[in-house]
Structure formats: C-alpha cells, structure tokens
Amino acid sequence: SAWSCKKRKLLHNGIKMNEYKKLFKSFSYAFKGIGYVIRHERNFRIHLSCIIYMFSILLFSDWFTLSRTDYAVLLTVCAVVLSLEVVNTGIENAVNLYGEKHTEFGRIAKDAAAGAVLIAAIFAVLTGIAILFQPEAFASMFLYFSENPIMLFIFVLSIIPMSVFIFWGNPFRKRK
C-alpha cells in the first residue's frame, strides 16, 4: 500500500532515509579528502608523525603529569595544525585548477595558506613546550632508556618506518 511505502522511506522521527544517505556520503567525501592529504602531502605526514610520537609517549608512560585540560589543549592545537594543512592543500589545488599560468593572486593565496599552517605549527610547538616542559619527566625518560637499552633500540628502530611514511607516503602506490 502507499502508506507502507511512505513508512519505509521514513526512518526515525520523520527523517527521510535519503537524508541519512546524504550525511554518510558527506562523511565519505571528507575521509577521501583526508586520505588524499595523507597520501600526497609530506608536511601533513610530518605533523601526523610528531603527533603520534607525542601522544604515544604521553599515553603509554607515566613520565609527564598532565591534566585533562592539558590533553584537551594539546589535542586542539594538533587538530588546528592538521586542519590547516588540509585547507592549505585545498587552496593549492584550487589555485592549480584555475590554470597552469602562475599569477600573483595565486601565489599570494598559496603563500598565505602556507603561512597560516606555519603560524599554527609554531604556536602548537610553543603550547607543547609550555605544557610539557617538565624537567623531571625528561630525567625519568632518560633514566628509563639508559636502564632499558632494548627499548631505546626499539624506539630508534621505529624511526625507520616513520621516515618511510613521511618521505614516501605509501611506498607501494604508483608514481607519476
């Protein structure tokens, strides 16, 4: 009947199924954009790698004393830097889409977007220093690694795959 057909198109509280599809599709586009930036933008991979190392140390050790607010601030500044890298990539590609000819306005747009990332990254580092400058934590870390050379070796060894990730992205993807 017509009523059961209408009923099936409604999912919850009168929201049409089509609206949920649109929502999921928009998330799909966002994840594709993030994936593109991870695969193609070295600076994004550098920022992401530093964030992974920092939060790995903070979450899996007890060297640093941080409040929930400290974690929230660190997460926020990291999100700002990564988000601006994504926006920067979008601006660069939009300018490139305009044409192969380099214009003064295109150069200004690209430089300004890159400058925004740089400002955010500098202030993220300064924020990190303000929160993480805990000499006793660094002393504990040094002591731990000096007493556990195998862990130092594993840490140093982890730099190899991270370097591959940073400088080659996905080493198995086809190059142009």
Protein backbone atom coordinates (compact mmCIF):
# COMPACT_ATOMS: atom_id res chain seq x y z
CA SER A 1 0.00 0.00 0.00
CA ALA A 2 1.01 3.63 -0.39
CA TRP A 3 1.15 4.10 3.39
CA SER A 4 3.66 1.26 3.96
CA CYS A 5 5.84 2.59 1.15
CA LYS A 6 5.83 6.03 2.79
CA LYS A 7 6.50 4.45 6.17
CA ARG A 8 9.59 2.64 4.85
CA LYS A 9 11.06 5.87 3.48
CA LEU A 10 10.91 7.40 6.96
CA LEU A 11 13.50 6.12 9.39
CA HIS A 12 13.28 7.91 12.71
CA ASN A 13 11.27 10.89 13.92
CA GLY A 14 10.19 11.74 10.41
CA ILE A 15 13.72 11.95 8.97
CA LYS A 16 13.86 10.54 5.48
CA MET A 17 16.31 7.77 4.66
CA ASN A 18 17.64 9.94 1.86
CA GLU A 19 18.90 12.49 4.43
CA TYR A 20 20.97 9.80 6.17
CA LYS A 21 22.43 8.75 2.82
CA LYS A 22 23.44 12.34 2.12
CA LEU A 23 25.03 12.59 5.55
CA PHE A 24 27.03 9.38 5.13
CA LYS A 25 28.07 10.48 1.64
CA SER A 26 29.38 13.79 3.01
CA PHE A 27 31.46 11.89 5.59
CA SER A 28 32.74 9.69 2.79
CA TYR A 29 33.92 12.75 0.85
CA ALA A 30 35.62 14.14 3.97
CA PHE A 31 37.51 10.88 4.59
CA LYS A 32 38.56 10.79 0.92
CA GLY A 33 39.96 14.31 1.31
CA ILE A 34 41.89 13.35 4.43
CA GLY A 35 43.20 10.24 2.65
CA TYR A 36 44.34 12.36 -0.29
CA VAL A 37 46.25 14.70 2.02
CA ILE A 38 47.88 11.79 3.86
CA ARG A 39 48.98 10.22 0.56
CA HIS A 40 50.18 13.37 -1.16
CA GLU A 41 51.31 15.94 1.42
CA ARG A 42 54.65 15.31 3.12
CA ASN A 43 54.21 18.14 5.65
CA PHE A 44 50.91 16.65 6.82
CA ARG A 45 52.68 13.32 7.35
CA ILE A 46 55.43 15.09 9.33
CA HIS A 47 52.87 16.74 11.62
CA LEU A 48 50.93 13.49 11.97
CA SER A 49 54.09 11.54 12.84
CA CYS A 50 55.10 14.03 15.53
CA ILE A 51 51.60 13.86 16.99
CA ILE A 52 51.67 10.05 17.02
CA TYR A 53 55.04 10.00 18.83
CA MET A 54 53.98 12.67 21.32
CA PHE A 55 50.67 11.05 22.27
CA SER A 56 52.24 7.58 22.36
CA ILE A 57 54.72 8.80 24.95
CA LEU A 58 52.07 10.71 26.89
CA LEU A 59 49.52 7.89 26.96
CA PHE A 60 51.79 4.87 27.44
CA SER A 61 54.16 6.24 30.05
CA ASP A 62 53.81 7.97 33.37
CA TRP A 63 56.68 10.41 32.92
CA PHE A 64 54.55 13.51 32.38
CA THR A 65 51.89 14.89 34.69
CA LEU A 66 49.04 16.27 32.63
CA SER A 67 45.51 17.30 33.46
CA ARG A 68 42.52 16.65 31.25
CA THR A 69 42.68 20.31 30.29
CA ASP A 70 46.32 19.87 29.19
CA TYR A 71 45.29 16.96 26.97
CA ALA A 72 42.39 18.99 25.57
CA VAL A 73 44.69 21.90 24.73
CA LEU A 74 47.26 19.61 23.07
CA LEU A 75 44.54 17.83 21.07
CA THR A 76 43.09 21.18 19.98
CA VAL A 77 46.37 22.68 18.77
CA CYS A 78 47.17 19.43 16.92
CA ALA A 79 43.73 19.46 15.29
CA VAL A 80 44.23 23.09 14.22
CA VAL A 81 47.58 22.33 12.58
CA LEU A 82 46.29 19.23 10.77
CA SER A 83 43.10 21.03 9.70
CA LEU A 84 45.06 23.95 8.30
CA GLU A 85 47.27 21.53 6.36
CA VAL A 86 44.11 20.10 4.78
CA VAL A 87 42.78 23.59 3.98
CA ASN A 88 46.19 24.58 2.58
CA THR A 89 46.11 21.56 0.26
CA GLY A 90 42.62 22.50 -0.87
CA ILE A 91 43.68 26.07 -1.64
CA GLU A 92 46.79 24.92 -3.50
CA ASN A 93 44.77 22.54 -5.64
CA ALA A 94 42.03 25.11 -6.28
CA VAL A 95 44.65 27.62 -7.44
CA ASN A 96 46.25 24.94 -9.64
CA LEU A 97 42.82 24.12 -11.08
CA TYR A 98 42.46 27.73 -12.20
CA GLY A 99 45.24 27.26 -14.71
CA GLU A 100 48.81 26.34 -15.39
CA LYS A 101 49.76 30.01 -15.66
CA HIS A 102 51.18 31.31 -12.39
CA THR A 103 49.51 34.54 -11.28
CA GLU A 104 50.36 36.94 -8.49
CA PHE A 105 47.00 36.28 -6.83
CA GLY A 106 47.57 32.53 -6.99
CA ARG A 107 50.99 32.90 -5.42
CA ILE A 108 49.58 35.10 -2.65
CA ALA A 109 46.77 32.60 -1.94
CA LYS A 110 49.21 29.69 -1.72
CA ASP A 111 51.75 31.61 0.37
CA ALA A 112 49.09 32.91 2.77
CA ALA A 113 47.64 29.43 3.27
CA ALA A 114 51.12 28.01 3.90
CA GLY A 115 51.79 30.91 6.29
CA ALA A 116 48.65 30.05 8.26
CA VAL A 117 49.93 26.49 8.71
CA LEU A 118 53.34 27.77 9.80
CA ILE A 119 51.82 30.14 12.38
CA ALA A 120 49.66 27.34 13.79
CA ALA A 121 52.61 24.93 13.89
CA ILE A 122 54.85 27.44 15.68
CA PHE A 123 52.19 28.15 18.29
CA ALA A 124 51.46 24.42 18.65
CA VAL A 125 55.14 23.83 19.44
CA LEU A 126 55.15 26.73 21.91
CA THR A 127 51.98 25.36 23.52
CA GLY A 128 53.61 21.93 23.74
CA ILE A 129 56.69 23.43 25.37
CA ALA A 130 54.55 25.35 27.88
CA ILE A 131 52.66 22.21 28.86
CA LEU A 132 55.39 19.58 28.54
CA PHE A 133 58.35 21.48 29.98
CA GLN A 134 58.73 19.18 32.97
CA PRO A 135 62.46 18.57 33.57
CA GLU A 136 61.76 15.71 35.99
CA ALA A 137 59.78 13.92 33.25
CA PHE A 138 62.68 14.19 30.82
CA ALA A 139 65.06 12.99 33.52
CA SER A 140 62.81 9.95 34.12
CA MET A 141 62.65 9.28 30.39
CA PHE A 142 66.44 9.46 30.07
CA LEU A 143 66.86 7.14 33.06
CA TYR A 144 64.33 4.67 31.64
CA PHE A 145 66.07 4.45 28.27
CA SER A 146 69.53 4.23 29.84
CA GLU A 147 68.36 1.31 32.00
CA ASN A 148 66.45 -0.33 29.12
CA PRO A 149 68.66 -0.14 26.02
CA ILE A 150 66.42 -2.58 24.14
CA MET A 151 63.55 -0.08 24.46
CA LEU A 152 65.81 2.68 23.18
CA PHE A 153 66.73 0.41 20.26
CA ILE A 154 63.04 -0.25 19.52
CA PHE A 155 62.29 3.48 19.69
CA VAL A 156 65.15 4.30 17.31
CA LEU A 157 64.10 1.43 15.05
CA SER A 158 60.58 2.89 14.88
CA ILE A 159 62.05 5.94 13.19
CA ILE A 160 62.73 3.89 10.03
CA PRO A 161 59.10 3.07 9.10
CA MET A 162 58.03 6.55 10.23
CA SER A 163 60.64 8.06 7.90
CA VAL A 164 59.39 5.90 5.05
CA PHE A 165 55.86 7.08 5.82
CA ILE A 166 56.94 10.73 5.91
CA PHE A 167 59.14 10.86 2.83
CA TRP A 168 57.48 8.33 0.56
CA GLY A 169 53.91 8.23 1.82
CA ASN A 170 52.70 4.89 0.58
CA PRO A 171 55.80 3.27 -0.99
CA PHE A 172 53.56 0.83 -2.86
CA ARG A 173 51.46 3.39 -4.75
CA LYS A 174 52.20 4.08 -8.38
CA ARG A 175 54.28 7.19 -9.00
CA LYS A 176 53.59 9.64 -11.80
